[in-house]
Amino acid sequence: MVYLIFNIPLLLIRTNTIPIFKIYTENRDFQSWLDWNTYGITFVWGIGLLIHWILVFKFRFDFLREWEKKKIKDIITKEENESDQRWN
């Protein structure tokens, strides 16, 4: 969410969709540097977040599968014990 909050306005300002700051310069090196920082860092940060998300949820999904199997087994065992007690 923070990624979107910061980068959407940044990109809108940089593409002059929202003309808050008008940066016009004759210096092509500065313009190139500014473009790299605006687009490059947004892209690199997005790739980093994507990799982080994949790693976090890959392990979490494995954890949840094991937890789900264990929980189902516990519920079945509990129901079997309750049904045995009812009939005894």
C-alpha atoms as a PDB file:
ATOM      1  CA  MET A   1       0.000   0.000   0.000  1.00  0.00           C
ATOM      2  CA  VAL A   2       2.825   2.396   0.862  1.00  0.00           C
ATOM      3  CA  TYR A   3       4.363   1.580  -2.522  1.00  0.00           C
ATOM      4  CA  LEU A   4       1.217   2.781  -4.288  1.00  0.00           C
ATOM      5  CA  ILE A   5       0.757   5.834  -2.052  1.00  0.00           C
ATOM      6  CA  PHE A   6       4.227   7.105  -2.871  1.00  0.00           C
ATOM      7  CA  ASN A   7       4.787   5.958  -6.424  1.00  0.00           C
ATOM      8  CA  ILE A   8       1.493   6.767  -8.142  1.00  0.00           C
ATOM      9  CA  PRO A   9       1.668  10.492  -7.271  1.00  0.00           C
ATOM     10  CA  LEU A  10       5.393  10.514  -8.041  1.00  0.00           C
ATOM     11  CA  LEU A  11       4.810   9.088 -11.515  1.00  0.00           C
ATOM     12  CA  LEU A  12       1.837  11.370 -12.143  1.00  0.00           C
ATOM     13  CA  ILE A  13       3.898  14.416 -11.190  1.00  0.00           C
ATOM     14  CA  ARG A  14       6.879  13.265 -13.245  1.00  0.00           C
ATOM     15  CA  THR A  15       4.781  12.688 -16.394  1.00  0.00           C
ATOM     16  CA  ASN A  16       3.153  16.128 -15.871  1.00  0.00           C
ATOM     17  CA  THR A  17      -0.294  14.569 -15.495  1.00  0.00           C
ATOM     18  CA  ILE A  18      -0.451  16.530 -12.255  1.00  0.00           C
ATOM     19  CA  PRO A  19       1.525  19.710 -12.992  1.00  0.00           C
ATOM     20  CA  ILE A  20       2.584  20.581  -9.442  1.00  0.00           C
ATOM     21  CA  PHE A  21       6.258  20.884 -10.303  1.00  0.00           C
ATOM     22  CA  LYS A  22       7.408  21.777 -13.766  1.00  0.00           C
ATOM     23  CA  ILE A  23      10.982  20.745 -14.185  1.00  0.00           C
ATOM     24  CA  TYR A  24      12.381  21.981 -17.434  1.00  0.00           C
ATOM     25  CA  THR A  25      16.105  22.089 -17.812  1.00  0.00           C
ATOM     26  CA  GLU A  26      18.553  22.373 -20.639  1.00  0.00           C
ATOM     27  CA  ASN A  27      20.900  19.979 -18.880  1.00  0.00           C
ATOM     28  CA  ARG A  28      20.272  16.569 -20.480  1.00  0.00           C
ATOM     29  CA  ASP A  29      22.389  14.778 -17.872  1.00  0.00           C
ATOM     30  CA  PHE A  30      20.191  16.073 -15.057  1.00  0.00           C
ATOM     31  CA  GLN A  31      17.059  15.133 -16.991  1.00  0.00           C
ATOM     32  CA  SER A  32      18.428  11.620 -17.550  1.00  0.00           C
ATOM     33  CA  TRP A  33      19.352  11.297 -13.888  1.00  0.00           C
ATOM     34  CA  LEU A  34      15.887  12.467 -12.841  1.00  0.00           C
ATOM     35  CA  ASP A  35      14.203   9.988 -15.190  1.00  0.00           C
ATOM     36  CA  TRP A  36      16.351   7.132 -13.909  1.00  0.00           C
ATOM     37  CA  ASN A  37      15.538   7.976 -10.303  1.00  0.00           C
ATOM     38  CA  THR A  38      11.823   8.317 -10.934  1.00  0.00           C
ATOM     39  CA  TYR A  39      11.232   5.291 -13.127  1.00  0.00           C
ATOM     40  CA  GLY A  40      14.153   3.084 -12.148  1.00  0.00           C
ATOM     41  CA  ILE A  41      13.676   3.209  -8.418  1.00  0.00           C
ATOM     42  CA  THR A  42       9.929   2.663  -8.777  1.00  0.00           C
ATOM     43  CA  PHE A  43      10.610  -0.387 -10.956  1.00  0.00           C
ATOM     44  CA  VAL A  44      13.357  -1.808  -8.724  1.00  0.00           C
ATOM     45  CA  TRP A  45      11.272  -1.261  -5.578  1.00  0.00           C
ATOM     46  CA  GLY A  46       8.334  -3.014  -7.266  1.00  0.00           C
ATOM     47  CA  ILE A  47      10.486  -6.015  -8.232  1.00  0.00           C
ATOM     48  CA  GLY A  48      11.816  -6.188  -4.657  1.00  0.00           C
ATOM     49  CA  LEU A  49       8.293  -6.150  -3.233  1.00  0.00           C
ATOM     50  CA  LEU A  50       7.198  -8.841  -5.677  1.00  0.00           C
ATOM     51  CA  ILE A  51      10.094 -11.104  -4.695  1.00  0.00           C
ATOM     52  CA  HIS A  52       9.386 -10.470  -1.008  1.00  0.00           C
ATOM     53  CA  TRP A  53       5.682 -11.291  -1.478  1.00  0.00           C
ATOM     54  CA  ILE A  54       6.514 -14.542  -3.290  1.00  0.00           C
ATOM     55  CA  LEU A  55       8.922 -15.648  -0.564  1.00  0.00           C
ATOM     56  CA  VAL A  56       6.587 -14.756   2.293  1.00  0.00           C
ATOM     57  CA  PHE A  57       3.493 -16.401   0.885  1.00  0.00           C
ATOM     58  CA  LYS A  58       5.278 -19.453  -0.537  1.00  0.00           C
ATOM     59  CA  PHE A  59       6.323 -20.508   2.931  1.00  0.00           C
ATOM     60  CA  ARG A  60       3.061 -19.386   4.479  1.00  0.00           C
ATOM     61  CA  PHE A  61       1.035 -21.481   2.039  1.00  0.00           C
ATOM     62  CA  ASP A  62       3.102 -24.558   2.921  1.00  0.00           C
ATOM     63  CA  PHE A  63       2.573 -23.786   6.593  1.00  0.00           C
ATOM     64  CA  LEU A  64      -1.173 -23.382   6.071  1.00  0.00           C
ATOM     65  CA  ARG A  65      -1.463 -26.674   4.202  1.00  0.00           C
ATOM     66  CA  GLU A  66       0.222 -28.545   7.044  1.00  0.00           C
ATOM     67  CA  TRP A  67      -1.850 -26.693   9.634  1.00  0.00           C
ATOM     68  CA  GLU A  68      -5.037 -27.478   7.720  1.00  0.00           C
ATOM     69  CA  LYS A  69      -4.219 -31.197   7.535  1.00  0.00           C
ATOM     70  CA  LYS A  70      -3.445 -31.273  11.260  1.00  0.00           C
ATOM     71  CA  LYS A  71      -6.625 -29.376  12.131  1.00  0.00           C
ATOM     72  CA  ILE A  72      -8.798 -31.683   9.989  1.00  0.00           C
ATOM     73  CA  LYS A  73      -7.234 -34.708  11.674  1.00  0.00           C
ATOM     74  CA  ASP A  74      -7.901 -33.176  15.119  1.00  0.00           C
ATOM     75  CA  ILE A  75     -11.541 -32.449  14.259  1.00  0.00           C
ATOM     76  CA  ILE A  76     -12.114 -35.951  12.896  1.00  0.00           C
ATOM     77  CA  THR A  77     -10.522 -37.500  15.993  1.00  0.00           C
ATOM     78  CA  LYS A  78     -12.610 -35.295  18.275  1.00  0.00           C
ATOM     79  CA  GLU A  79     -15.838 -36.182  16.442  1.00  0.00           C
ATOM     80  CA  GLU A  80     -14.991 -39.913  16.541  1.00  0.00           C
ATOM     81  CA  ASN A  81     -14.362 -39.721  20.285  1.00  0.00           C
ATOM     82  CA  GLU A  82     -17.637 -37.861  20.841  1.00  0.00           C
ATOM     83  CA  SER A  83     -19.605 -40.350  18.766  1.00  0.00           C
ATOM     84  CA  ASP A  84     -17.986 -43.259  20.649  1.00  0.00           C
ATOM     85  CA  GLN A  85     -18.966 -41.687  23.975  1.00  0.00           C
ATOM     86  CA  ARG A  86     -22.563 -41.200  22.850  1.00  0.00           C
ATOM     87  CA  TRP A  87     -22.972 -44.835  21.988  1.00  0.00           C
ATOM     88  CA  ASN A  88     -21.306 -46.179  25.107  1.00  0.00           C
END
